[in-house]
Amino acid sequence: MHEGNVEATLSEQEFCSAVGISRVTAWRLRLAGRIAYCRVGNKVRYLPRHIDEYLLRCEKQLGRSRSVHEKARDGR
């Protein structure tokens, strides 16, 4: 067995529950290349860093869309 720097992985169901999305949405994110993942056999697995990176990108996109929205509201 491999020892050392092995991270725990999350199943697709665990990932979807943690992020609050459906399995179809998770599939669409993978297909679009918006979230990294691993495939072990025919199972999809997510590393904690995959989820962190995805959530960071979502946060940045939200911040960007808020500023655009605020500018439009302010008439700029």
C-alpha atoms as a PDB file:
ATOM      1  CA  MET A   1       0.000   0.000   0.000  1.00  0.00           C
ATOM      2  CA  HIS A   2       1.164   3.503  -0.788  1.00  0.00           C
ATOM      3  CA  GLU A   3       1.938   5.600   2.267  1.00  0.00           C
ATOM      4  CA  GLY A   4       2.740   9.250   2.507  1.00  0.00           C
ATOM      5  CA  ASN A   5       0.970  12.229   1.041  1.00  0.00           C
ATOM      6  CA  VAL A   6      -2.287  10.564   0.007  1.00  0.00           C
ATOM      7  CA  GLU A   7      -5.372  12.762   0.315  1.00  0.00           C
ATOM      8  CA  ALA A   8      -8.797  11.433   1.149  1.00  0.00           C
ATOM      9  CA  THR A   9     -11.157  11.539  -1.799  1.00  0.00           C
ATOM     10  CA  LEU A  10     -14.862  12.273  -1.980  1.00  0.00           C
ATOM     11  CA  SER A  11     -17.321  10.281  -4.015  1.00  0.00           C
ATOM     12  CA  GLU A  12     -19.536  12.059  -6.492  1.00  0.00           C
ATOM     13  CA  GLN A  13     -22.438  11.860  -4.029  1.00  0.00           C
ATOM     14  CA  GLU A  14     -20.310  13.318  -1.204  1.00  0.00           C
ATOM     15  CA  PHE A  15     -19.098  16.113  -3.470  1.00  0.00           C
ATOM     16  CA  CYS A  16     -22.620  16.971  -4.616  1.00  0.00           C
ATOM     17  CA  SER A  17     -23.906  17.017  -1.041  1.00  0.00           C
ATOM     18  CA  ALA A  18     -21.003  19.172   0.160  1.00  0.00           C
ATOM     19  CA  VAL A  19     -21.427  21.754  -2.601  1.00  0.00           C
ATOM     20  CA  GLY A  20     -25.215  21.555  -2.860  1.00  0.00           C
ATOM     21  CA  ILE A  21     -25.546  20.562  -6.510  1.00  0.00           C
ATOM     22  CA  SER A  22     -27.109  17.660  -8.384  1.00  0.00           C
ATOM     23  CA  ARG A  23     -25.188  14.820 -10.003  1.00  0.00           C
ATOM     24  CA  VAL A  24     -26.200  16.169 -13.425  1.00  0.00           C
ATOM     25  CA  THR A  25     -24.699  19.553 -12.567  1.00  0.00           C
ATOM     26  CA  ALA A  26     -21.497  17.826 -11.382  1.00  0.00           C
ATOM     27  CA  TRP A  27     -21.362  15.949 -14.697  1.00  0.00           C
ATOM     28  CA  ARG A  28     -21.822  19.212 -16.622  1.00  0.00           C
ATOM     29  CA  LEU A  29     -19.042  20.877 -14.610  1.00  0.00           C
ATOM     30  CA  ARG A  30     -16.671  17.991 -15.415  1.00  0.00           C
ATOM     31  CA  LEU A  31     -17.659  18.005 -19.078  1.00  0.00           C
ATOM     32  CA  ALA A  32     -17.029  21.759 -19.303  1.00  0.00           C
ATOM     33  CA  GLY A  33     -13.671  21.406 -17.539  1.00  0.00           C
ATOM     34  CA  ARG A  34     -14.803  23.636 -14.671  1.00  0.00           C
ATOM     35  CA  ILE A  35     -13.828  21.179 -11.936  1.00  0.00           C
ATOM     36  CA  ALA A  36     -10.920  18.780 -11.694  1.00  0.00           C
ATOM     37  CA  TYR A  37     -11.564  15.166 -10.752  1.00  0.00           C
ATOM     38  CA  CYS A  38      -9.987  11.724 -10.704  1.00  0.00           C
ATOM     39  CA  ARG A  39     -11.319   8.544 -12.169  1.00  0.00           C
ATOM     40  CA  VAL A  40     -10.654   5.310 -10.321  1.00  0.00           C
ATOM     41  CA  GLY A  41     -11.928   2.505 -12.500  1.00  0.00           C
ATOM     42  CA  ASN A  42     -15.370   3.728 -13.506  1.00  0.00           C
ATOM     43  CA  LYS A  43     -15.844   5.841 -10.348  1.00  0.00           C
ATOM     44  CA  VAL A  44     -15.438   9.611 -10.248  1.00  0.00           C
ATOM     45  CA  ARG A  45     -13.569  10.906  -7.191  1.00  0.00           C
ATOM     46  CA  TYR A  46     -12.750  14.424  -6.023  1.00  0.00           C
ATOM     47  CA  LEU A  47      -9.770  15.545  -3.996  1.00  0.00           C
ATOM     48  CA  PRO A  48     -10.365  18.252  -1.381  1.00  0.00           C
ATOM     49  CA  ARG A  49      -8.176  20.618  -3.402  1.00  0.00           C
ATOM     50  CA  HIS A  50     -10.408  20.096  -6.479  1.00  0.00           C
ATOM     51  CA  ILE A  51     -13.379  21.315  -4.464  1.00  0.00           C
ATOM     52  CA  ASP A  52     -11.440  24.215  -2.934  1.00  0.00           C
ATOM     53  CA  GLU A  53     -10.262  25.374  -6.375  1.00  0.00           C
ATOM     54  CA  TYR A  54     -13.780  25.115  -7.806  1.00  0.00           C
ATOM     55  CA  LEU A  55     -15.303  27.095  -4.931  1.00  0.00           C
ATOM     56  CA  LEU A  56     -12.602  29.760  -5.233  1.00  0.00           C
ATOM     57  CA  ARG A  57     -13.395  30.186  -8.933  1.00  0.00           C
ATOM     58  CA  CYS A  58     -17.116  30.447  -8.096  1.00  0.00           C
ATOM     59  CA  GLU A  59     -16.357  33.087  -5.480  1.00  0.00           C
ATOM     60  CA  LYS A  60     -14.272  35.112  -7.941  1.00  0.00           C
ATOM     61  CA  GLN A  61     -16.997  34.875 -10.596  1.00  0.00           C
ATOM     62  CA  LEU A  62     -19.606  35.960  -8.074  1.00  0.00           C
ATOM     63  CA  GLY A  63     -17.479  38.931  -7.069  1.00  0.00           C
ATOM     64  CA  ARG A  64     -17.037  39.912 -10.698  1.00  0.00           C
ATOM     65  CA  SER A  65     -20.749  39.617 -11.499  1.00  0.00           C
ATOM     66  CA  ARG A  66     -21.663  41.615  -8.400  1.00  0.00           C
ATOM     67  CA  SER A  67     -19.441  44.483  -9.444  1.00  0.00           C
ATOM     68  CA  VAL A  68     -20.969  44.448 -12.944  1.00  0.00           C
ATOM     69  CA  HIS A  69     -24.443  44.362 -11.387  1.00  0.00           C
ATOM     70  CA  GLU A  70     -23.613  47.182  -9.005  1.00  0.00           C
ATOM     71  CA  LYS A  71     -22.239  49.286 -11.863  1.00  0.00           C
ATOM     72  CA  ALA A  72     -25.411  48.747 -13.868  1.00  0.00           C
ATOM     73  CA  ARG A  73     -27.548  49.635 -10.866  1.00  0.00           C
ATOM     74  CA  ASP A  74     -25.523  52.797 -10.300  1.00  0.00           C
ATOM     75  CA  GLY A  75     -25.929  53.736 -13.979  1.00  0.00           C
ATOM     76  CA  ARG A  76     -22.256  53.406 -14.889  1.00  0.00           C
END
